[in-house]
Amino acid sequence: MATKIPRELPDEDEPISANVIDAIATAMETDPLELSPPLYYSIDLAALDRLFRTKSPTTVRFDYNGRDVTVQGDGTVSVGDPPPDRA
């Protein structure tokens, strides 16, 4: 089961990567600054921000620490549960 964190698409001053970081930290019940490994090991955050500058039907999926993360054009971020061996 995935944890869905619906959020409005950030304005031009706030990148979508901030939503992604917050959603992953919420799903993992940790402080965003304590995410380990760092998120940039899994995805290029600057490229993600460029993709989501405008509202579009874009969807990006990637793996972070064994969890499936999905980012949708409307700003919704879903973070999957960890595999049983990592729970």
PDB file of N, CA and C in Angstrom:
ATOM      1  N   MET A   1       0.837  -1.169   0.000  1.00  0.00           N
ATOM      2  CA  MET A   1       0.000   0.000   0.000  1.00  0.00           C
ATOM      3  C   MET A   1       0.890   1.242   0.000  1.00  0.00           C
ATOM      4  N   ALA A   2       0.513   2.237  -0.768  1.00  0.00           N
ATOM      5  CA  ALA A   2       1.313   3.454  -0.890  1.00  0.00           C
ATOM      6  C   ALA A   2       0.758   4.546  -0.004  1.00  0.00           C
ATOM      7  N   THR A   3       1.640   5.395   0.453  1.00  0.00           N
ATOM      8  CA  THR A   3       1.248   6.586   1.182  1.00  0.00           C
ATOM      9  C   THR A   3       1.107   7.692   0.162  1.00  0.00           C
ATOM     10  N   LYS A   4      -0.107   8.223  -0.018  1.00  0.00           N
ATOM     11  CA  LYS A   4      -0.317   9.303  -0.972  1.00  0.00           C
ATOM     12  C   LYS A   4      -0.321  10.622  -0.219  1.00  0.00           C
ATOM     13  N   ILE A   5       0.476  11.534  -0.681  1.00  0.00           N
ATOM     14  CA  ILE A   5       0.608  12.837  -0.058  1.00  0.00           C
ATOM     15  C   ILE A   5       0.144  13.873  -1.079  1.00  0.00           C
ATOM     16  N   PRO A   6      -1.175  14.165  -1.115  1.00  0.00           N
ATOM     17  CA  PRO A   6      -1.628  15.157  -2.096  1.00  0.00           C
ATOM     18  C   PRO A   6      -1.194  16.552  -1.682  1.00  0.00           C
ATOM     19  N   ARG A   7      -0.618  17.257  -2.603  1.00  0.00           N
ATOM     20  CA  ARG A   7      -0.189  18.629  -2.355  1.00  0.00           C
ATOM     21  C   ARG A   7      -0.411  19.419  -3.621  1.00  0.00           C
ATOM     22  N   GLU A   8      -0.649  20.675  -3.456  1.00  0.00           N
ATOM     23  CA  GLU A   8      -0.781  21.520  -4.637  1.00  0.00           C
ATOM     24  C   GLU A   8       0.577  21.633  -5.308  1.00  0.00           C
ATOM     25  N   LEU A   9       0.514  21.793  -6.618  1.00  0.00           N
ATOM     26  CA  LEU A   9       1.753  22.002  -7.348  1.00  0.00           C
ATOM     27  C   LEU A   9       2.413  23.257  -6.789  1.00  0.00           C
ATOM     28  N   PRO A  10       3.671  23.184  -6.434  1.00  0.00           N
ATOM     29  CA  PRO A  10       4.325  24.351  -5.850  1.00  0.00           C
ATOM     30  C   PRO A  10       4.342  25.536  -6.815  1.00  0.00           C
ATOM     31  N   ASP A  11       4.359  26.742  -6.243  1.00  0.00           N
ATOM     32  CA  ASP A  11       4.447  27.907  -7.114  1.00  0.00           C
ATOM     33  C   ASP A  11       5.855  27.979  -7.701  1.00  0.00           C
ATOM     34  N   GLU A  12       6.081  28.967  -8.516  1.00  0.00           N
ATOM     35  CA  GLU A  12       7.363  29.061  -9.217  1.00  0.00           C
ATOM     36  C   GLU A  12       8.553  29.169  -8.270  1.00  0.00           C
ATOM     37  N   ASP A  13       8.315  29.640  -7.059  1.00  0.00           N
ATOM     38  CA  ASP A  13       9.410  29.818  -6.116  1.00  0.00           C
ATOM     39  C   ASP A  13       9.750  28.551  -5.337  1.00  0.00           C
ATOM     40  N   GLU A  14       8.850  27.570  -5.362  1.00  0.00           N
ATOM     41  CA  GLU A  14       9.098  26.333  -4.610  1.00  0.00           C
ATOM     42  C   GLU A  14       9.121  25.146  -5.566  1.00  0.00           C
ATOM     43  N   PRO A  15      10.237  24.465  -5.642  1.00  0.00           N
ATOM     44  CA  PRO A  15      10.352  23.347  -6.578  1.00  0.00           C
ATOM     45  C   PRO A  15       9.569  22.111  -6.117  1.00  0.00           C
ATOM     46  N   ILE A  16       9.161  21.282  -7.083  1.00  0.00           N
ATOM     47  CA  ILE A  16       8.447  20.043  -6.786  1.00  0.00           C
ATOM     48  C   ILE A  16       9.307  19.125  -5.920  1.00  0.00           C
ATOM     49  N   SER A  17      10.616  19.235  -6.026  1.00  0.00           N
ATOM     50  CA  SER A  17      11.490  18.368  -5.231  1.00  0.00           C
ATOM     51  C   SER A  17      11.258  18.570  -3.734  1.00  0.00           C
ATOM     52  N   ALA A  18      10.840  19.772  -3.329  1.00  0.00           N
ATOM     53  CA  ALA A  18      10.531  20.006  -1.912  1.00  0.00           C
ATOM     54  C   ALA A  18       9.346  19.147  -1.482  1.00  0.00           C
ATOM     55  N   ASN A  19       8.315  19.018  -2.345  1.00  0.00           N
ATOM     56  CA  ASN A  19       7.174  18.144  -2.054  1.00  0.00           C
ATOM     57  C   ASN A  19       7.611  16.694  -1.959  1.00  0.00           C
ATOM     58  N   VAL A  20       8.484  16.298  -2.870  1.00  0.00           N
ATOM     59  CA  VAL A  20       8.952  14.911  -2.893  1.00  0.00           C
ATOM     60  C   VAL A  20       9.722  14.591  -1.607  1.00  0.00           C
ATOM     61  N   ILE A  21      10.602  15.474  -1.224  1.00  0.00           N
ATOM     62  CA  ILE A  21      11.382  15.265   0.007  1.00  0.00           C
ATOM     63  C   ILE A  21      10.459  15.173   1.215  1.00  0.00           C
ATOM     64  N   ASP A  22       9.492  16.083   1.315  1.00  0.00           N
ATOM     65  CA  ASP A  22       8.549  16.064   2.435  1.00  0.00           C
ATOM     66  C   ASP A  22       7.720  14.785   2.443  1.00  0.00           C
ATOM     67  N   ALA A  23       7.264  14.353   1.271  1.00  0.00           N
ATOM     68  CA  ALA A  23       6.434  13.142   1.190  1.00  0.00           C
ATOM     69  C   ALA A  23       7.213  11.907   1.608  1.00  0.00           C
ATOM     70  N   ILE A  24       8.439  11.791   1.146  1.00  0.00           N
ATOM     71  CA  ILE A  24       9.260  10.628   1.513  1.00  0.00           C
ATOM     72  C   ILE A  24       9.559  10.647   3.007  1.00  0.00           C
ATOM     73  N   ALA A  25       9.907  11.802   3.535  1.00  0.00           N
ATOM     74  CA  ALA A  25      10.195  11.905   4.970  1.00  0.00           C
ATOM     75  C   ALA A  25       8.955  11.561   5.792  1.00  0.00           C
ATOM     76  N   THR A  26       7.775  12.013   5.359  1.00  0.00           N
ATOM     77  CA  THR A  26       6.529  11.689   6.058  1.00  0.00           C
ATOM     78  C   THR A  26       6.277  10.190   6.038  1.00  0.00           C
ATOM     79  N   ALA A  27       6.424   9.574   4.872  1.00  0.00           N
ATOM     80  CA  ALA A  27       6.189   8.131   4.742  1.00  0.00           C
ATOM     81  C   ALA A  27       7.173   7.322   5.578  1.00  0.00           C
ATOM     82  N   MET A  28       8.397   7.814   5.700  1.00  0.00           N
ATOM     83  CA  MET A  28       9.430   7.105   6.454  1.00  0.00           C
ATOM     84  C   MET A  28       9.478   7.526   7.919  1.00  0.00           C
ATOM     85  N   GLU A  29       8.591   8.463   8.273  1.00  0.00           N
ATOM     86  CA  GLU A  29       8.521   8.964   9.652  1.00  0.00           C
ATOM     87  C   GLU A  29       9.883   9.449  10.147  1.00  0.00           C
ATOM     88  N   THR A  30      10.475  10.325   9.343  1.00  0.00           N
ATOM     89  CA  THR A  30      11.771  10.879   9.698  1.00  0.00           C
ATOM     90  C   THR A  30      11.834  12.346   9.295  1.00  0.00           C
ATOM     91  N   ASP A  31      12.805  13.044   9.780  1.00  0.00           N
ATOM     92  CA  ASP A  31      13.036  14.432   9.421  1.00  0.00           C
ATOM     93  C   ASP A  31      13.603  14.478   7.999  1.00  0.00           C
ATOM     94  N   PRO A  32      13.142  15.409   7.172  1.00  0.00           N
ATOM     95  CA  PRO A  32      13.666  15.485   5.800  1.00  0.00           C
ATOM     96  C   PRO A  32      15.191  15.590   5.729  1.00  0.00           C
ATOM     97  N   LEU A  33      15.796  16.225   6.699  1.00  0.00           N
ATOM     98  CA  LEU A  33      17.255  16.364   6.696  1.00  0.00           C
ATOM     99  C   LEU A  33      17.975  15.077   7.071  1.00  0.00           C
ATOM    100  N   GLU A  34      17.229  14.089   7.563  1.00  0.00           N
ATOM    101  CA  GLU A  34      17.833  12.832   7.983  1.00  0.00           C
ATOM    102  C   GLU A  34      17.585  11.688   7.000  1.00  0.00           C
ATOM    103  N   LEU A  35      17.066  12.003   5.804  1.00  0.00           N
ATOM    104  CA  LEU A  35      16.860  10.957   4.808  1.00  0.00           C
ATOM    105  C   LEU A  35      18.206  10.316   4.459  1.00  0.00           C
ATOM    106  N   SER A  36      18.227   9.008   4.504  1.00  0.00           N
ATOM    107  CA  SER A  36      19.461   8.291   4.218  1.00  0.00           C
ATOM    108  C   SER A  36      19.139   7.054   3.399  1.00  0.00           C
ATOM    109  N   PRO A  37      19.741   6.919   2.241  1.00  0.00           N
ATOM    110  CA  PRO A  37      20.738   7.780   1.625  1.00  0.00           C
ATOM    111  C   PRO A  37      20.109   9.073   1.122  1.00  0.00           C
ATOM    112  N   PRO A  38      20.938  10.077   0.800  1.00  0.00           N
ATOM    113  CA  PRO A  38      20.392  11.325   0.273  1.00  0.00           C
ATOM    114  C   PRO A  38      19.578  11.059  -0.989  1.00  0.00           C
ATOM    115  N   LEU A  39      18.498  11.801  -1.155  1.00  0.00           N
ATOM    116  CA  LEU A  39      17.592  11.588  -2.279  1.00  0.00           C
ATOM    117  C   LEU A  39      18.297  11.739  -3.621  1.00  0.00           C
ATOM    118  N   TYR A  40      19.292  12.608  -3.700  1.00  0.00           N
ATOM    119  CA  TYR A  40      19.966  12.824  -4.977  1.00  0.00           C
ATOM    120  C   TYR A  40      20.735  11.594  -5.451  1.00  0.00           C
ATOM    121  N   TYR A  41      20.889  10.570  -4.602  1.00  0.00           N
ATOM    122  CA  TYR A  41      21.475   9.304  -5.047  1.00  0.00           C
ATOM    123  C   TYR A  41      20.500   8.540  -5.938  1.00  0.00           C
ATOM    124  N   SER A  42      19.197   8.836  -5.819  1.00  0.00           N
ATOM    125  CA  SER A  42      18.169   8.117  -6.566  1.00  0.00           C
ATOM    126  C   SER A  42      17.644   8.872  -7.780  1.00  0.00           C
ATOM    127  N   ILE A  43      17.654  10.206  -7.714  1.00  0.00           N
ATOM    128  CA  ILE A  43      17.080  10.994  -8.811  1.00  0.00           C
ATOM    129  C   ILE A  43      17.759  12.356  -8.865  1.00  0.00           C
ATOM    130  N   ASP A  44      17.866  12.879 -10.052  1.00  0.00           N
ATOM    131  CA  ASP A  44      18.425  14.213 -10.257  1.00  0.00           C
ATOM    132  C   ASP A  44      17.329  15.224  -9.916  1.00  0.00           C
ATOM    133  N   LEU A  45      17.440  15.865  -8.765  1.00  0.00           N
ATOM    134  CA  LEU A  45      16.395  16.765  -8.288  1.00  0.00           C
ATOM    135  C   LEU A  45      16.228  17.996  -9.174  1.00  0.00           C
ATOM    136  N   ALA A  46      17.309  18.510  -9.725  1.00  0.00           N
ATOM    137  CA  ALA A  46      17.209  19.673 -10.610  1.00  0.00           C
ATOM    138  C   ALA A  46      16.441  19.303 -11.881  1.00  0.00           C
ATOM    139  N   ALA A  47      16.684  18.123 -12.419  1.00  0.00           N
ATOM    140  CA  ALA A  47      15.961  17.672 -13.610  1.00  0.00           C
ATOM    141  C   ALA A  47      14.480  17.471 -13.287  1.00  0.00           C
ATOM    142  N   LEU A  48      14.193  16.925 -12.115  1.00  0.00           N
ATOM    143  CA  LEU A  48      12.802  16.739 -11.692  1.00  0.00           C
ATOM    144  C   LEU A  48      12.088  18.091 -11.611  1.00  0.00           C
ATOM    145  N   ASP A  49      12.739  19.069 -11.027  1.00  0.00           N
ATOM    146  CA  ASP A  49      12.151  20.412 -10.922  1.00  0.00           C
ATOM    147  C   ASP A  49      11.881  21.011 -12.296  1.00  0.00           C
ATOM    148  N   ARG A  50      12.807  20.826 -13.230  1.00  0.00           N
ATOM    149  CA  ARG A  50      12.607  21.361 -14.588  1.00  0.00           C
ATOM    150  C   ARG A  50      11.410  20.697 -15.264  1.00  0.00           C
ATOM    151  N   LEU A  51      11.233  19.401 -15.057  1.00  0.00           N
ATOM    152  CA  LEU A  51      10.110  18.678 -15.665  1.00  0.00           C
ATOM    153  C   LEU A  51       8.760  19.190 -15.176  1.00  0.00           C
ATOM    154  N   PHE A  52       8.694  19.591 -13.913  1.00  0.00           N
ATOM    155  CA  PHE A  52       7.420  19.952 -13.304  1.00  0.00           C
ATOM    156  C   PHE A  52       7.217  21.453 -13.127  1.00  0.00           C
ATOM    157  N   ARG A  53       7.920  22.261 -13.892  1.00  0.00           N
ATOM    158  CA  ARG A  53       7.744  23.715 -13.788  1.00  0.00           C
ATOM    159  C   ARG A  53       6.344  24.158 -14.174  1.00  0.00           C
ATOM    160  N   THR A  54       5.729  23.459 -15.096  1.00  0.00           N
ATOM    161  CA  THR A  54       4.367  23.794 -15.515  1.00  0.00           C
ATOM    162  C   THR A  54       3.463  22.602 -15.232  1.00  0.00           C
ATOM    163  N   LYS A  55       2.177  22.892 -15.054  1.00  0.00           N
ATOM    164  CA  LYS A  55       1.225  21.802 -14.859  1.00  0.00           C
ATOM    165  C   LYS A  55       1.144  21.029 -16.161  1.00  0.00           C
ATOM    166  N   SER A  56       1.390  19.750 -16.086  1.00  0.00           N
ATOM    167  CA  SER A  56       1.362  18.912 -17.273  1.00  0.00           C
ATOM    168  C   SER A  56       0.981  17.498 -16.859  1.00  0.00           C
ATOM    169  N   PRO A  57       0.655  16.661 -17.825  1.00  0.00           N
ATOM    170  CA  PRO A  57       0.285  15.282 -17.485  1.00  0.00           C
ATOM    171  C   PRO A  57       1.496  14.389 -17.212  1.00  0.00           C
ATOM    172  N   THR A  58       2.610  14.977 -16.885  1.00  0.00           N
ATOM    173  CA  THR A  58       3.836  14.230 -16.639  1.00  0.00           C
ATOM    174  C   THR A  58       3.726  13.381 -15.375  1.00  0.00           C
ATOM    175  N   THR A  59       4.260  12.166 -15.444  1.00  0.00           N
ATOM    176  CA  THR A  59       4.378  11.293 -14.274  1.00  0.00           C
ATOM    177  C   THR A  59       5.788  10.723 -14.261  1.00  0.00           C
ATOM    178  N   VAL A  60       6.427  10.776 -13.105  1.00  0.00           N
ATOM    179  CA  VAL A  60       7.778  10.235 -12.945  1.00  0.00           C
ATOM    180  C   VAL A  60       7.745   9.228 -11.806  1.00  0.00           C
ATOM    181  N   ARG A  61       8.335   8.057 -12.054  1.00  0.00           N
ATOM    182  CA  ARG A  61       8.441   7.021 -11.013  1.00  0.00           C
ATOM    183  C   ARG A  61       9.911   6.681 -10.821  1.00  0.00           C
ATOM    184  N   PHE A  62      10.296   6.495  -9.565  1.00  0.00           N
ATOM    185  CA  PHE A  62      11.660   6.080  -9.274  1.00  0.00           C
ATOM    186  C   PHE A  62      11.680   5.336  -7.951  1.00  0.00           C
ATOM    187  N   ASP A  63      12.767   4.649  -7.709  1.00  0.00           N
ATOM    188  CA  ASP A  63      12.942   3.883  -6.478  1.00  0.00           C
ATOM    189  C   ASP A  63      13.787   4.695  -5.510  1.00  0.00           C
ATOM    190  N   TYR A  64      13.326   4.766  -4.265  1.00  0.00           N
ATOM    191  CA  TYR A  64      14.139   5.381  -3.220  1.00  0.00           C
ATOM    192  C   TYR A  64      14.197   4.430  -2.039  1.00  0.00           C
ATOM    193  N   ASN A  65      15.351   3.900  -1.779  1.00  0.00           N
ATOM    194  CA  ASN A  65      15.570   3.045  -0.613  1.00  0.00           C
ATOM    195  C   ASN A  65      14.547   1.901  -0.540  1.00  0.00           C
ATOM    196  N   GLY A  66      14.260   1.306  -1.702  1.00  0.00           N
ATOM    197  CA  GLY A  66      13.332   0.182  -1.753  1.00  0.00           C
ATOM    198  C   GLY A  66      11.864   0.566  -1.836  1.00  0.00           C
ATOM    199  N   ARG A  67      11.577   1.836  -1.916  1.00  0.00           N
ATOM    200  CA  ARG A  67      10.187   2.305  -2.012  1.00  0.00           C
ATOM    201  C   ARG A  67       9.951   2.895  -3.396  1.00  0.00           C
ATOM    202  N   ASP A  68       8.789   2.586  -3.958  1.00  0.00           N
ATOM    203  CA  ASP A  68       8.399   3.143  -5.248  1.00  0.00           C
ATOM    204  C   ASP A  68       7.817   4.533  -5.004  1.00  0.00           C
ATOM    205  N   VAL A  69       8.392   5.539  -5.645  1.00  0.00           N
ATOM    206  CA  VAL A  69       7.933   6.919  -5.503  1.00  0.00           C
ATOM    207  C   VAL A  69       7.363   7.368  -6.852  1.00  0.00           C
ATOM    208  N   THR A  70       6.149   7.927  -6.832  1.00  0.00           N
ATOM    209  CA  THR A  70       5.504   8.428  -8.037  1.00  0.00           C
ATOM    210  C   THR A  70       5.170   9.895  -7.848  1.00  0.00           C
ATOM    211  N   VAL A  71       5.574  10.706  -8.811  1.00  0.00           N
ATOM    212  CA  VAL A  71       5.303  12.135  -8.794  1.00  0.00           C
ATOM    213  C   VAL A  71       4.427  12.427 -10.009  1.00  0.00           C
ATOM    214  N   GLN A  72       3.277  13.059  -9.779  1.00  0.00           N
ATOM    215  CA  GLN A  72       2.349  13.359 -10.865  1.00  0.00           C
ATOM    216  C   GLN A  72       2.309  14.856 -11.139  1.00  0.00           C
ATOM    217  N   GLY A  73       1.887  15.201 -12.340  1.00  0.00           N
ATOM    218  CA  GLY A  73       1.863  16.586 -12.782  1.00  0.00           C
ATOM    219  C   GLY A  73       1.021  17.511 -11.936  1.00  0.00           C
ATOM    220  N   ASP A  74       0.043  16.963 -11.204  1.00  0.00           N
ATOM    221  CA  ASP A  74      -0.793  17.814 -10.344  1.00  0.00           C
ATOM    222  C   ASP A  74      -0.161  18.058  -8.981  1.00  0.00           C
ATOM    223  N   GLY A  75       1.059  17.555  -8.778  1.00  0.00           N
ATOM    224  CA  GLY A  75       1.755  17.758  -7.511  1.00  0.00           C
ATOM    225  C   GLY A  75       1.599  16.628  -6.519  1.00  0.00           C
ATOM    226  N   THR A  76       0.805  15.601  -6.862  1.00  0.00           N
ATOM    227  CA  THR A  76       0.611  14.470  -5.967  1.00  0.00           C
ATOM    228  C   THR A  76       1.858  13.609  -5.940  1.00  0.00           C
ATOM    229  N   VAL A  77       2.275  13.231  -4.752  1.00  0.00           N
ATOM    230  CA  VAL A  77       3.426  12.356  -4.573  1.00  0.00           C
ATOM    231  C   VAL A  77       2.956  11.129  -3.813  1.00  0.00           C
ATOM    232  N   SER A  78       3.237   9.933  -4.348  1.00  0.00           N
ATOM    233  CA  SER A  78       2.895   8.684  -3.678  1.00  0.00           C
ATOM    234  C   SER A  78       4.187   7.963  -3.342  1.00  0.00           C
ATOM    235  N   VAL A  79       4.259   7.456  -2.121  1.00  0.00           N
ATOM    236  CA  VAL A  79       5.441   6.730  -1.668  1.00  0.00           C
ATOM    237  C   VAL A  79       4.992   5.343  -1.240  1.00  0.00           C
ATOM    238  N   GLY A  80       5.498   4.317  -1.913  1.00  0.00           N
ATOM    239  CA  GLY A  80       5.122   2.949  -1.606  1.00  0.00           C
ATOM    240  C   GLY A  80       5.706   2.472  -0.290  1.00  0.00           C
ATOM    241  N   ASP A  81       5.082   1.441   0.250  1.00  0.00           N
ATOM    242  CA  ASP A  81       5.590   0.824   1.468  1.00  0.00           C
ATOM    243  C   ASP A  81       6.895   0.095   1.160  1.00  0.00           C
ATOM    244  N   PRO A  82       7.739  -0.076   2.156  1.00  0.00           N
ATOM    245  CA  PRO A  82       8.999  -0.784   1.915  1.00  0.00           C
ATOM    246  C   PRO A  82       8.730  -2.273   1.698  1.00  0.00           C
ATOM    247  N   PRO A  83       9.650  -2.956   1.018  1.00  0.00           N
ATOM    248  CA  PRO A  83       9.513  -4.405   0.900  1.00  0.00           C
ATOM    249  C   PRO A  83       9.536  -5.037   2.294  1.00  0.00           C
ATOM    250  N   PRO A  84       8.947  -6.211   2.462  1.00  0.00           N
ATOM    251  CA  PRO A  84       8.866  -6.843   3.792  1.00  0.00           C
ATOM    252  C   PRO A  84      10.209  -6.988   4.495  1.00  0.00           C
ATOM    253  N   ASP A  85      11.277  -7.207   3.753  1.00  0.00           N
ATOM    254  CA  ASP A  85      12.586  -7.372   4.398  1.00  0.00           C
ATOM    255  C   ASP A  85      13.193  -6.062   4.870  1.00  0.00           C
ATOM    256  N   ARG A  86      12.586  -4.931   4.512  1.00  0.00           N
ATOM    257  CA  ARG A  86      13.094  -3.617   4.952  1.00  0.00           C
ATOM    258  C   ARG A  86      12.124  -2.905   5.894  1.00  0.00           C
ATOM    259  N   ALA A  87      10.993  -3.512   6.170  1.00  0.00           N
ATOM    260  CA  ALA A  87       9.977  -2.858   6.997  1.00  0.00           C
ATOM    261  C   ALA A  87      10.441  -2.691   8.418  1.00  0.00           C
TER     262      ALA A  87
END
